[in-house]
Amino acid sequence: MRDNEELPQAEIIELQTLRDEIKNANDAELVLNSDSYTSAWQMIEREFIERLLACDLKDDQGRRVWQEATNVLRATRRFLEETMQSGELAQSRLEELEKMANHRHRFSRSLF
């Protein structure tokens, strides 16, 4: 779909939003599938967990700090995974909108 002049402004905005989500999803996928990222993430997670387990039973603050660090690390990975999933949904919606627009375009041409 290249001729945005024929589309209502709301559809143009939605198309751009969907394209942005797809780009973000592709970026997230590149990061998640990167050997460097995977190795670094695993090393950092292992280090955080080792430090958490090494805390003295009476060191509530230390355990809390390392547990929170582990949670933040895992939340970062979840965010990237959710960004990928969101991009898959955006891709489906974009394809649906393009089919509808193409159908609308063919229908309007057949009227003339």
C-alpha atoms as a PDB file:
ATOM      1  CA  MET A   1       0.000   0.000   0.000  1.00  0.00           C
ATOM      2  CA  ARG A   2       1.852   3.053  -1.240  1.00  0.00           C
ATOM      3  CA  ASP A   3      -0.781   5.635  -1.971  1.00  0.00           C
ATOM      4  CA  ASN A   4      -1.471   7.071   1.489  1.00  0.00           C
ATOM      5  CA  GLU A   5      -3.259  10.098   0.037  1.00  0.00           C
ATOM      6  CA  GLU A   6      -6.346   7.947  -0.531  1.00  0.00           C
ATOM      7  CA  LEU A   7      -6.472   6.781   3.088  1.00  0.00           C
ATOM      8  CA  PRO A   8      -8.175   8.547   5.977  1.00  0.00           C
ATOM      9  CA  GLN A   9      -5.736  10.181   8.423  1.00  0.00           C
ATOM     10  CA  ALA A  10      -6.621   7.687  11.184  1.00  0.00           C
ATOM     11  CA  GLU A  11      -5.660   4.764   8.946  1.00  0.00           C
ATOM     12  CA  ILE A  12      -2.386   6.443   7.976  1.00  0.00           C
ATOM     13  CA  ILE A  13      -1.532   6.886  11.653  1.00  0.00           C
ATOM     14  CA  GLU A  14      -2.470   3.279  12.425  1.00  0.00           C
ATOM     15  CA  LEU A  15      -0.336   2.012   9.541  1.00  0.00           C
ATOM     16  CA  GLN A  16       2.666   4.014  10.743  1.00  0.00           C
ATOM     17  CA  THR A  17       2.150   2.789  14.311  1.00  0.00           C
ATOM     18  CA  LEU A  18       1.991  -0.811  13.102  1.00  0.00           C
ATOM     19  CA  ARG A  19       5.146  -0.366  11.015  1.00  0.00           C
ATOM     20  CA  ASP A  20       6.934   1.105  14.039  1.00  0.00           C
ATOM     21  CA  GLU A  21       5.846  -1.864  16.195  1.00  0.00           C
ATOM     22  CA  ILE A  22       7.090  -4.288  13.533  1.00  0.00           C
ATOM     23  CA  LYS A  23      10.458  -2.497  13.366  1.00  0.00           C
ATOM     24  CA  ASN A  24      10.766  -2.594  17.160  1.00  0.00           C
ATOM     25  CA  ALA A  25       9.894  -6.300  17.125  1.00  0.00           C
ATOM     26  CA  ASN A  26      12.570  -6.973  14.521  1.00  0.00           C
ATOM     27  CA  ASP A  27      15.106  -5.075  16.633  1.00  0.00           C
ATOM     28  CA  ALA A  28      14.089  -7.054  19.738  1.00  0.00           C
ATOM     29  CA  GLU A  29      14.419 -10.312  17.831  1.00  0.00           C
ATOM     30  CA  LEU A  30      17.932  -9.385  16.685  1.00  0.00           C
ATOM     31  CA  VAL A  31      18.938  -8.705  20.281  1.00  0.00           C
ATOM     32  CA  LEU A  32      17.348 -11.856  21.691  1.00  0.00           C
ATOM     33  CA  ASN A  33      18.876 -14.053  18.989  1.00  0.00           C
ATOM     34  CA  SER A  34      22.311 -12.520  19.372  1.00  0.00           C
ATOM     35  CA  ASP A  35      24.883 -14.932  20.785  1.00  0.00           C
ATOM     36  CA  SER A  36      26.576 -12.017  22.556  1.00  0.00           C
ATOM     37  CA  TYR A  37      23.355 -10.946  24.277  1.00  0.00           C
ATOM     38  CA  THR A  38      22.466 -14.505  25.266  1.00  0.00           C
ATOM     39  CA  SER A  39      25.909 -15.142  26.725  1.00  0.00           C
ATOM     40  CA  ALA A  40      25.984 -11.831  28.576  1.00  0.00           C
ATOM     41  CA  TRP A  41      22.447 -12.289  29.921  1.00  0.00           C
ATOM     42  CA  GLN A  42      23.197 -15.793  31.189  1.00  0.00           C
ATOM     43  CA  MET A  43      26.467 -14.690  32.787  1.00  0.00           C
ATOM     44  CA  ILE A  44      24.834 -11.709  34.530  1.00  0.00           C
ATOM     45  CA  GLU A  45      21.870 -13.764  35.730  1.00  0.00           C
ATOM     46  CA  ARG A  46      24.167 -16.467  37.080  1.00  0.00           C
ATOM     47  CA  GLU A  47      26.272 -13.831  38.874  1.00  0.00           C
ATOM     48  CA  PHE A  48      23.217 -12.172  40.422  1.00  0.00           C
ATOM     49  CA  ILE A  49      21.828 -15.495  41.638  1.00  0.00           C
ATOM     50  CA  GLU A  50      25.202 -16.563  43.051  1.00  0.00           C
ATOM     51  CA  ARG A  51      25.437 -13.289  44.962  1.00  0.00           C
ATOM     52  CA  LEU A  52      21.877 -13.695  46.178  1.00  0.00           C
ATOM     53  CA  LEU A  53      22.588 -17.202  47.441  1.00  0.00           C
ATOM     54  CA  ALA A  54      25.855 -16.071  49.034  1.00  0.00           C
ATOM     55  CA  CYS A  55      24.084 -13.502  51.220  1.00  0.00           C
ATOM     56  CA  ASP A  56      23.995 -14.200  54.914  1.00  0.00           C
ATOM     57  CA  LEU A  57      20.578 -15.254  56.215  1.00  0.00           C
ATOM     58  CA  LYS A  58      20.484 -12.091  58.332  1.00  0.00           C
ATOM     59  CA  ASP A  59      21.360  -9.836  55.368  1.00  0.00           C
ATOM     60  CA  ASP A  60      17.825  -8.923  54.327  1.00  0.00           C
ATOM     61  CA  GLN A  61      18.950  -5.847  52.435  1.00  0.00           C
ATOM     62  CA  GLY A  62      21.610  -7.728  50.479  1.00  0.00           C
ATOM     63  CA  ARG A  63      19.178 -10.481  49.512  1.00  0.00           C
ATOM     64  CA  ARG A  64      16.591  -7.881  48.533  1.00  0.00           C
ATOM     65  CA  VAL A  65      19.103  -6.010  46.352  1.00  0.00           C
ATOM     66  CA  TRP A  66      20.233  -9.131  44.472  1.00  0.00           C
ATOM     67  CA  GLN A  67      16.682 -10.444  44.119  1.00  0.00           C
ATOM     68  CA  GLU A  68      15.575  -7.101  42.693  1.00  0.00           C
ATOM     69  CA  ALA A  69      18.557  -7.030  40.323  1.00  0.00           C
ATOM     70  CA  THR A  70      17.592 -10.505  39.093  1.00  0.00           C
ATOM     71  CA  ASN A  71      13.969  -9.397  38.676  1.00  0.00           C
ATOM     72  CA  VAL A  72      15.008  -6.343  36.635  1.00  0.00           C
ATOM     73  CA  LEU A  73      17.242  -8.462  34.414  1.00  0.00           C
ATOM     74  CA  ARG A  74      14.418 -10.924  33.771  1.00  0.00           C
ATOM     75  CA  ALA A  75      11.939  -8.083  33.170  1.00  0.00           C
ATOM     76  CA  THR A  76      14.253  -6.729  30.482  1.00  0.00           C
ATOM     77  CA  ARG A  77      14.212 -10.065  28.675  1.00  0.00           C
ATOM     78  CA  ARG A  78      10.409 -10.329  29.073  1.00  0.00           C
ATOM     79  CA  PHE A  79      10.030  -6.841  27.601  1.00  0.00           C
ATOM     80  CA  LEU A  80      12.000  -7.856  24.514  1.00  0.00           C
ATOM     81  CA  GLU A  81       9.972 -11.061  24.162  1.00  0.00           C
ATOM     82  CA  GLU A  82       6.687  -9.160  24.518  1.00  0.00           C
ATOM     83  CA  THR A  83       7.906  -6.616  21.959  1.00  0.00           C
ATOM     84  CA  MET A  84       8.480  -9.481  19.528  1.00  0.00           C
ATOM     85  CA  GLN A  85       4.991 -10.870  20.175  1.00  0.00           C
ATOM     86  CA  SER A  86       3.458  -7.434  19.753  1.00  0.00           C
ATOM     87  CA  GLY A  87       5.245  -7.111  16.418  1.00  0.00           C
ATOM     88  CA  GLU A  88       3.764 -10.399  15.240  1.00  0.00           C
ATOM     89  CA  LEU A  89       0.290  -9.111  16.044  1.00  0.00           C
ATOM     90  CA  ALA A  90       1.084  -5.807  14.343  1.00  0.00           C
ATOM     91  CA  GLN A  91       2.256  -7.674  11.231  1.00  0.00           C
ATOM     92  CA  SER A  92      -1.033  -9.598  11.082  1.00  0.00           C
ATOM     93  CA  ARG A  93      -3.050  -6.396  11.525  1.00  0.00           C
ATOM     94  CA  LEU A  94      -0.980  -4.606   8.860  1.00  0.00           C
ATOM     95  CA  GLU A  95      -1.583  -7.426   6.388  1.00  0.00           C
ATOM     96  CA  GLU A  96      -5.303  -7.313   7.197  1.00  0.00           C
ATOM     97  CA  LEU A  97      -5.455  -3.544   6.616  1.00  0.00           C
ATOM     98  CA  GLU A  98      -3.519  -3.834   3.366  1.00  0.00           C
ATOM     99  CA  LYS A  99      -5.919  -6.506   2.078  1.00  0.00           C
ATOM    100  CA  MET A 100      -8.900  -4.337   2.989  1.00  0.00           C
ATOM    101  CA  ALA A 101      -7.345  -1.292   1.319  1.00  0.00           C
ATOM    102  CA  ASN A 102      -6.508  -3.267  -1.826  1.00  0.00           C
ATOM    103  CA  HIS A 103     -10.034  -4.654  -1.934  1.00  0.00           C
ATOM    104  CA  ARG A 104     -11.471  -1.159  -1.447  1.00  0.00           C
ATOM    105  CA  HIS A 105      -9.196   0.197  -4.193  1.00  0.00           C
ATOM    106  CA  ARG A 106     -10.201  -2.555  -6.653  1.00  0.00           C
ATOM    107  CA  PHE A 107     -13.871  -2.050  -5.799  1.00  0.00           C
ATOM    108  CA  SER A 108     -13.705   1.726  -6.332  1.00  0.00           C
ATOM    109  CA  ARG A 109     -11.927   1.237  -9.686  1.00  0.00           C
ATOM    110  CA  SER A 110     -14.611  -1.192 -10.843  1.00  0.00           C
ATOM    111  CA  LEU A 111     -17.249   1.463 -10.269  1.00  0.00           C
ATOM    112  CA  PHE A 112     -15.782   3.690 -12.974  1.00  0.00           C
END
